[in-house]
């Protein structure tokens, strides 16, 4: 929304720049007319009798030309200021758009990672249920066998995210979300950069 407002403001400022450009053209036209008047006055002064009349005409034309030149300079300065303001507004709008895009990409990445973790956790539920059923069966057989089975079960590694018979994906091709999902499935830490996650998972697969 901020970028849209900035662009709308920039569009409004474009009209202002056009107005100033027209004003500058009108002032330049007045300057040209003034210069023509000065030329005519100078020509008339040569034709008139008396140096005083000619001097007054030239002074009047020069004053009008000076005023017109001041107006041209003021209009040019104002237009330059407006153009600079428009450029700054467009730059700010572009920056805001880049920040919004980066935030959207970050949120999308976080959502994808959450989905992968949830799917990995869901895929582990049947394996956990099977382990629990096996433990109960072992307990009903004999108390001593149950104790040994419980100890062995607690010492056994966490179930893998990849199902038996399915080839594990190549670590070099896995993105961070997939690496995190498999590490969670193996009850391994998930902190660190991608290279550290790959090394940790590579060691666990051996």
C-alpha atoms as a PDB file:
ATOM      1  CA  UNK A   1       0.000   0.000   0.000  1.00  0.00           C
ATOM      2  CA  UNK A   2       2.870   2.366   0.764  1.00  0.00           C
ATOM      3  CA  UNK A   3       4.393   1.732  -2.654  1.00  0.00           C
ATOM      4  CA  UNK A   4       1.007   2.398  -4.320  1.00  0.00           C
ATOM      5  CA  UNK A   5       0.595   5.672  -2.430  1.00  0.00           C
ATOM      6  CA  UNK A   6       4.098   6.707  -3.449  1.00  0.00           C
ATOM      7  CA  UNK A   7       3.351   5.935  -7.099  1.00  0.00           C
ATOM      8  CA  UNK A   8       0.072   7.861  -6.944  1.00  0.00           C
ATOM      9  CA  UNK A   9       1.894  10.782  -5.390  1.00  0.00           C
ATOM     10  CA  UNK A  10       4.511  10.512  -8.137  1.00  0.00           C
ATOM     11  CA  UNK A  11       1.757  10.617 -10.785  1.00  0.00           C
ATOM     12  CA  UNK A  12       0.350  13.764  -9.167  1.00  0.00           C
ATOM     13  CA  UNK A  13       3.798  15.293  -9.110  1.00  0.00           C
ATOM     14  CA  UNK A  14       4.127  14.555 -12.845  1.00  0.00           C
ATOM     15  CA  UNK A  15       1.231  16.947 -13.451  1.00  0.00           C
ATOM     16  CA  UNK A  16       3.006  19.528 -11.321  1.00  0.00           C
ATOM     17  CA  UNK A  17       6.161  19.126 -13.377  1.00  0.00           C
ATOM     18  CA  UNK A  18       4.136  19.583 -16.579  1.00  0.00           C
ATOM     19  CA  UNK A  19       2.622  22.749 -15.152  1.00  0.00           C
ATOM     20  CA  UNK A  20       6.033  24.105 -14.257  1.00  0.00           C
ATOM     21  CA  UNK A  21       7.321  23.198 -17.727  1.00  0.00           C
ATOM     22  CA  UNK A  22       4.468  25.150 -19.327  1.00  0.00           C
ATOM     23  CA  UNK A  23       5.166  28.056 -17.007  1.00  0.00           C
ATOM     24  CA  UNK A  24       8.816  27.932 -18.010  1.00  0.00           C
ATOM     25  CA  UNK A  25       7.881  28.002 -21.700  1.00  0.00           C
ATOM     26  CA  UNK A  26       5.571  30.954 -21.132  1.00  0.00           C
ATOM     27  CA  UNK A  27       8.278  32.807 -19.253  1.00  0.00           C
ATOM     28  CA  UNK A  28      10.767  32.085 -22.010  1.00  0.00           C
ATOM     29  CA  UNK A  29       8.236  33.387 -24.539  1.00  0.00           C
ATOM     30  CA  UNK A  30       7.864  36.542 -22.462  1.00  0.00           C
ATOM     31  CA  UNK A  31      11.620  36.853 -22.400  1.00  0.00           C
ATOM     32  CA  UNK A  32      11.711  36.554 -26.184  1.00  0.00           C
ATOM     33  CA  UNK A  33       8.994  39.202 -26.495  1.00  0.00           C
ATOM     34  CA  UNK A  34      10.898  41.391 -24.084  1.00  0.00           C
ATOM     35  CA  UNK A  35      14.052  40.970 -26.097  1.00  0.00           C
ATOM     36  CA  UNK A  36      12.141  41.882 -29.248  1.00  0.00           C
ATOM     37  CA  UNK A  37      10.739  44.896 -27.453  1.00  0.00           C
ATOM     38  CA  UNK A  38      14.216  45.870 -26.398  1.00  0.00           C
ATOM     39  CA  UNK A  39      15.401  45.549 -29.995  1.00  0.00           C
ATOM     40  CA  UNK A  40      12.513  47.632 -31.255  1.00  0.00           C
ATOM     41  CA  UNK A  41      13.064  50.187 -28.539  1.00  0.00           C
ATOM     42  CA  UNK A  42      16.703  50.402 -29.476  1.00  0.00           C
ATOM     43  CA  UNK A  43      15.767  50.868 -33.115  1.00  0.00           C
ATOM     44  CA  UNK A  44      13.217  53.492 -32.184  1.00  0.00           C
ATOM     45  CA  UNK A  45      15.736  55.250 -30.009  1.00  0.00           C
ATOM     46  CA  UNK A  46      18.025  55.664 -32.987  1.00  0.00           C
ATOM     47  CA  UNK A  47      15.197  57.202 -34.920  1.00  0.00           C
ATOM     48  CA  UNK A  48      14.045  59.449 -32.139  1.00  0.00           C
ATOM     49  CA  UNK A  49      15.538  62.752 -31.387  1.00  0.00           C
ATOM     50  CA  UNK A  50      17.163  63.186 -28.076  1.00  0.00           C
ATOM     51  CA  UNK A  51      19.490  60.897 -26.197  1.00  0.00           C
ATOM     52  CA  UNK A  52      17.311  60.974 -23.052  1.00  0.00           C
ATOM     53  CA  UNK A  53      14.280  59.353 -24.721  1.00  0.00           C
ATOM     54  CA  UNK A  54      16.428  56.580 -26.187  1.00  0.00           C
ATOM     55  CA  UNK A  55      18.112  55.933 -22.830  1.00  0.00           C
ATOM     56  CA  UNK A  56      14.805  55.645 -21.006  1.00  0.00           C
ATOM     57  CA  UNK A  57      13.463  53.170 -23.586  1.00  0.00           C
ATOM     58  CA  UNK A  58      16.560  51.013 -23.314  1.00  0.00           C
ATOM     59  CA  UNK A  59      16.399  51.071 -19.515  1.00  0.00           C
ATOM     60  CA  UNK A  60      12.779  49.995 -19.492  1.00  0.00           C
ATOM     61  CA  UNK A  61      13.445  47.129 -21.897  1.00  0.00           C
ATOM     62  CA  UNK A  62      16.479  46.004 -19.895  1.00  0.00           C
ATOM     63  CA  UNK A  63      14.492  46.000 -16.651  1.00  0.00           C
ATOM     64  CA  UNK A  64      11.726  43.902 -18.200  1.00  0.00           C
ATOM     65  CA  UNK A  65      14.295  41.492 -19.617  1.00  0.00           C
ATOM     66  CA  UNK A  66      15.959  41.181 -16.193  1.00  0.00           C
ATOM     67  CA  UNK A  67      12.629  40.418 -14.528  1.00  0.00           C
ATOM     68  CA  UNK A  68      11.850  37.806 -17.158  1.00  0.00           C
ATOM     69  CA  UNK A  69      15.293  36.215 -16.656  1.00  0.00           C
ATOM     70  CA  UNK A  70      14.719  36.025 -12.900  1.00  0.00           C
ATOM     71  CA  UNK A  71      11.383  34.319 -13.474  1.00  0.00           C
ATOM     72  CA  UNK A  72      13.037  31.798 -15.798  1.00  0.00           C
ATOM     73  CA  UNK A  73      15.713  30.992 -13.195  1.00  0.00           C
ATOM     74  CA  UNK A  74      13.120  30.617 -10.423  1.00  0.00           C
ATOM     75  CA  UNK A  75      10.952  28.336 -12.549  1.00  0.00           C
ATOM     76  CA  UNK A  76      13.952  26.206 -13.516  1.00  0.00           C
ATOM     77  CA  UNK A  77      15.040  25.876  -9.875  1.00  0.00           C
ATOM     78  CA  UNK A  78      11.529  24.895  -8.771  1.00  0.00           C
ATOM     79  CA  UNK A  79      11.238  22.313 -11.518  1.00  0.00           C
ATOM     80  CA  UNK A  80      14.623  20.811 -10.593  1.00  0.00           C
ATOM     81  CA  UNK A  81      13.493  20.562  -6.977  1.00  0.00           C
ATOM     82  CA  UNK A  82      10.255  18.818  -7.935  1.00  0.00           C
ATOM     83  CA  UNK A  83      12.116  16.363 -10.189  1.00  0.00           C
ATOM     84  CA  UNK A  84      14.499  15.510  -7.329  1.00  0.00           C
ATOM     85  CA  UNK A  85      11.532  14.939  -5.007  1.00  0.00           C
ATOM     86  CA  UNK A  86       9.895  12.665  -7.590  1.00  0.00           C
ATOM     87  CA  UNK A  87      13.085  10.628  -7.984  1.00  0.00           C
ATOM     88  CA  UNK A  88      13.371  10.234  -4.200  1.00  0.00           C
ATOM     89  CA  UNK A  89       9.722   9.117  -3.953  1.00  0.00           C
ATOM     90  CA  UNK A  90      10.184   6.556  -6.732  1.00  0.00           C
ATOM     91  CA  UNK A  91      13.360   5.228  -5.070  1.00  0.00           C
ATOM     92  CA  UNK A  92      11.525   4.883  -1.747  1.00  0.00           C
ATOM     93  CA  UNK A  93       8.657   3.049  -3.458  1.00  0.00           C
ATOM     94  CA  UNK A  94      11.094   0.667  -5.165  1.00  0.00           C
ATOM     95  CA  UNK A  95      12.839  -0.011  -1.846  1.00  0.00           C
ATOM     96  CA  UNK A  96       9.517  -0.711  -0.118  1.00  0.00           C
ATOM     97  CA  UNK A  97       8.547  -3.099  -2.910  1.00  0.00           C
ATOM     98  CA  UNK A  98      11.856  -4.988  -2.594  1.00  0.00           C
ATOM     99  CA  UNK A  99      11.420  -5.281   1.186  1.00  0.00           C
ATOM    100  CA  UNK A 100       7.867  -6.592   0.751  1.00  0.00           C
ATOM    101  CA  UNK A 101       9.023  -9.169  -1.811  1.00  0.00           C
ATOM    102  CA  UNK A 102      11.846 -10.349   0.446  1.00  0.00           C
ATOM    103  CA  UNK A 103       9.448 -10.679   3.396  1.00  0.00           C
ATOM    104  CA  UNK A 104       6.990 -12.640   1.258  1.00  0.00           C
ATOM    105  CA  UNK A 105       9.748 -15.023   0.135  1.00  0.00           C
ATOM    106  CA  UNK A 106      10.871 -15.483   3.743  1.00  0.00           C
ATOM    107  CA  UNK A 107       7.334 -16.288   4.892  1.00  0.00           C
ATOM    108  CA  UNK A 108       6.887 -18.720   2.011  1.00  0.00           C
ATOM    109  CA  UNK A 109      10.132 -20.485   2.930  1.00  0.00           C
ATOM    110  CA  UNK A 110       9.099 -20.722   6.598  1.00  0.00           C
ATOM    111  CA  UNK A 111       5.695 -22.117   5.597  1.00  0.00           C
ATOM    112  CA  UNK A 112       7.301 -24.730   3.347  1.00  0.00           C
ATOM    113  CA  UNK A 113       9.654 -25.775   6.162  1.00  0.00           C
ATOM    114  CA  UNK A 114       6.742 -26.097   8.590  1.00  0.00           C
ATOM    115  CA  UNK A 115       4.802 -28.227   6.128  1.00  0.00           C
ATOM    116  CA  UNK A 116       7.801 -30.496   5.542  1.00  0.00           C
ATOM    117  CA  UNK A 117       8.340 -30.937   9.291  1.00  0.00           C
ATOM    118  CA  UNK A 118       4.647 -31.712   9.845  1.00  0.00           C
ATOM    119  CA  UNK A 119       4.642 -34.285   7.019  1.00  0.00           C
ATOM    120  CA  UNK A 120       7.806 -35.905   8.369  1.00  0.00           C
ATOM    121  CA  UNK A 121       6.317 -36.122  11.868  1.00  0.00           C
ATOM    122  CA  UNK A 122       3.090 -37.580  10.476  1.00  0.00           C
ATOM    123  CA  UNK A 123       5.006 -40.239   8.549  1.00  0.00           C
ATOM    124  CA  UNK A 124       6.659 -41.374  11.784  1.00  0.00           C
ATOM    125  CA  UNK A 125       3.409 -42.044  13.691  1.00  0.00           C
ATOM    126  CA  UNK A 126       2.781 -45.558  12.215  1.00  0.00           C
ATOM    127  CA  UNK A 127       6.365 -46.592  13.021  1.00  0.00           C
ATOM    128  CA  UNK A 128       5.934 -45.417  16.627  1.00  0.00           C
ATOM    129  CA  UNK A 129       2.665 -47.324  16.963  1.00  0.00           C
ATOM    130  CA  UNK A 130       4.286 -50.514  15.652  1.00  0.00           C
ATOM    131  CA  UNK A 131       7.138 -50.229  18.144  1.00  0.00           C
ATOM    132  CA  UNK A 132       4.638 -49.770  20.986  1.00  0.00           C
ATOM    133  CA  UNK A 133       2.678 -52.879  19.976  1.00  0.00           C
ATOM    134  CA  UNK A 134       5.817 -54.977  19.788  1.00  0.00           C
ATOM    135  CA  UNK A 135       6.802 -53.834  23.286  1.00  0.00           C
ATOM    136  CA  UNK A 136       3.415 -54.805  24.748  1.00  0.00           C
ATOM    137  CA  UNK A 137       3.616 -58.271  23.165  1.00  0.00           C
ATOM    138  CA  UNK A 138       7.064 -58.790  24.604  1.00  0.00           C
ATOM    139  CA  UNK A 139       5.821 -57.777  28.094  1.00  0.00           C
ATOM    140  CA  UNK A 140       3.029 -60.378  28.095  1.00  0.00           C
ATOM    141  CA  UNK A 141       5.528 -63.146  27.224  1.00  0.00           C
ATOM    142  CA  UNK A 142       7.836 -62.714  30.257  1.00  0.00           C
ATOM    143  CA  UNK A 143       8.761 -59.962  32.723  1.00  0.00           C
ATOM    144  CA  UNK A 144      12.494 -60.399  32.220  1.00  0.00           C
ATOM    145  CA  UNK A 145      12.157 -60.407  28.454  1.00  0.00           C
ATOM    146  CA  UNK A 146      10.070 -57.223  28.744  1.00  0.00           C
ATOM    147  CA  UNK A 147      12.813 -55.493  30.690  1.00  0.00           C
ATOM    148  CA  UNK A 148      15.443 -56.442  28.103  1.00  0.00           C
ATOM    149  CA  UNK A 149      13.174 -55.387  25.261  1.00  0.00           C
ATOM    150  CA  UNK A 150      12.477 -52.009  26.899  1.00  0.00           C
ATOM    151  CA  UNK A 151      16.200 -51.376  27.418  1.00  0.00           C
ATOM    152  CA  UNK A 152      16.984 -52.324  23.824  1.00  0.00           C
ATOM    153  CA  UNK A 153      14.110 -50.154  22.593  1.00  0.00           C
ATOM    154  CA  UNK A 154      15.336 -47.118  24.541  1.00  0.00           C
ATOM    155  CA  UNK A 155      18.877 -47.603  23.208  1.00  0.00           C
ATOM    156  CA  UNK A 156      17.784 -48.047  19.587  1.00  0.00           C
ATOM    157  CA  UNK A 157      18.180 -45.043  17.212  1.00  0.00           C
ATOM    158  CA  UNK A 158      15.202 -42.885  16.215  1.00  0.00           C
ATOM    159  CA  UNK A 159      13.269 -43.975  13.122  1.00  0.00           C
ATOM    160  CA  UNK A 160      14.440 -42.586   9.817  1.00  0.00           C
ATOM    161  CA  UNK A 161      12.421 -40.116   7.758  1.00  0.00           C
ATOM    162  CA  UNK A 162      13.008 -42.236   4.632  1.00  0.00           C
ATOM    163  CA  UNK A 163      10.848 -45.384   4.463  1.00  0.00           C
ATOM    164  CA  UNK A 164      12.595 -48.778   4.138  1.00  0.00           C
ATOM    165  CA  UNK A 165      13.301 -49.758   0.538  1.00  0.00           C
ATOM    166  CA  UNK A 166      13.152 -46.142  -0.619  1.00  0.00           C
ATOM    167  CA  UNK A 167      16.444 -44.575  -1.659  1.00  0.00           C
ATOM    168  CA  UNK A 168      17.299 -41.547   0.435  1.00  0.00           C
ATOM    169  CA  UNK A 169      17.519 -38.298  -1.553  1.00  0.00           C
ATOM    170  CA  UNK A 170      20.961 -36.944  -2.360  1.00  0.00           C
ATOM    171  CA  UNK A 171      22.103 -34.579   0.371  1.00  0.00           C
ATOM    172  CA  UNK A 172      23.609 -32.111  -2.100  1.00  0.00           C
ATOM    173  CA  UNK A 173      20.190 -31.670  -3.750  1.00  0.00           C
ATOM    174  CA  UNK A 174      18.176 -31.287  -0.535  1.00  0.00           C
ATOM    175  CA  UNK A 175      17.071 -27.808   0.520  1.00  0.00           C
ATOM    176  CA  UNK A 176      17.238 -26.653   4.111  1.00  0.00           C
ATOM    177  CA  UNK A 177      13.568 -27.462   4.833  1.00  0.00           C
ATOM    178  CA  UNK A 178      14.055 -31.094   3.740  1.00  0.00           C
ATOM    179  CA  UNK A 179      17.263 -31.404   5.761  1.00  0.00           C
ATOM    180  CA  UNK A 180      15.505 -30.059   8.854  1.00  0.00           C
ATOM    181  CA  UNK A 181      12.588 -32.468   8.379  1.00  0.00           C
ATOM    182  CA  UNK A 182      14.844 -35.536   8.280  1.00  0.00           C
ATOM    183  CA  UNK A 183      16.909 -34.294  11.232  1.00  0.00           C
ATOM    184  CA  UNK A 184      13.705 -33.847  13.252  1.00  0.00           C
ATOM    185  CA  UNK A 185      12.671 -37.377  12.310  1.00  0.00           C
ATOM    186  CA  UNK A 186      15.998 -38.659  13.606  1.00  0.00           C
ATOM    187  CA  UNK A 187      15.758 -36.591  16.830  1.00  0.00           C
ATOM    188  CA  UNK A 188      18.911 -34.697  15.853  1.00  0.00           C
ATOM    189  CA  UNK A 189      19.656 -30.989  16.366  1.00  0.00           C
ATOM    190  CA  UNK A 190      18.471 -28.703  13.577  1.00  0.00           C
ATOM    191  CA  UNK A 191      20.561 -25.626  14.316  1.00  0.00           C
ATOM    192  CA  UNK A 192      23.333 -24.436  12.018  1.00  0.00           C
ATOM    193  CA  UNK A 193      23.812 -23.549   8.360  1.00  0.00           C
ATOM    194  CA  UNK A 194      22.926 -25.834   5.445  1.00  0.00           C
ATOM    195  CA  UNK A 195      26.465 -27.241   5.209  1.00  0.00           C
ATOM    196  CA  UNK A 196      26.382 -28.224   8.889  1.00  0.00           C
ATOM    197  CA  UNK A 197      22.934 -29.810   8.525  1.00  0.00           C
ATOM    198  CA  UNK A 198      24.131 -31.890   5.545  1.00  0.00           C
ATOM    199  CA  UNK A 199      27.229 -33.069   7.441  1.00  0.00           C
ATOM    200  CA  UNK A 200      25.129 -34.019  10.484  1.00  0.00           C
ATOM    201  CA  UNK A 201      22.672 -35.961   8.330  1.00  0.00           C
ATOM    202  CA  UNK A 202      25.479 -37.614   6.345  1.00  0.00           C
ATOM    203  CA  UNK A 203      27.036 -38.890   9.581  1.00  0.00           C
ATOM    204  CA  UNK A 204      23.637 -40.173  10.775  1.00  0.00           C
ATOM    205  CA  UNK A 205      23.016 -42.113   7.543  1.00  0.00           C
ATOM    206  CA  UNK A 206      26.281 -44.054   7.804  1.00  0.00           C
END
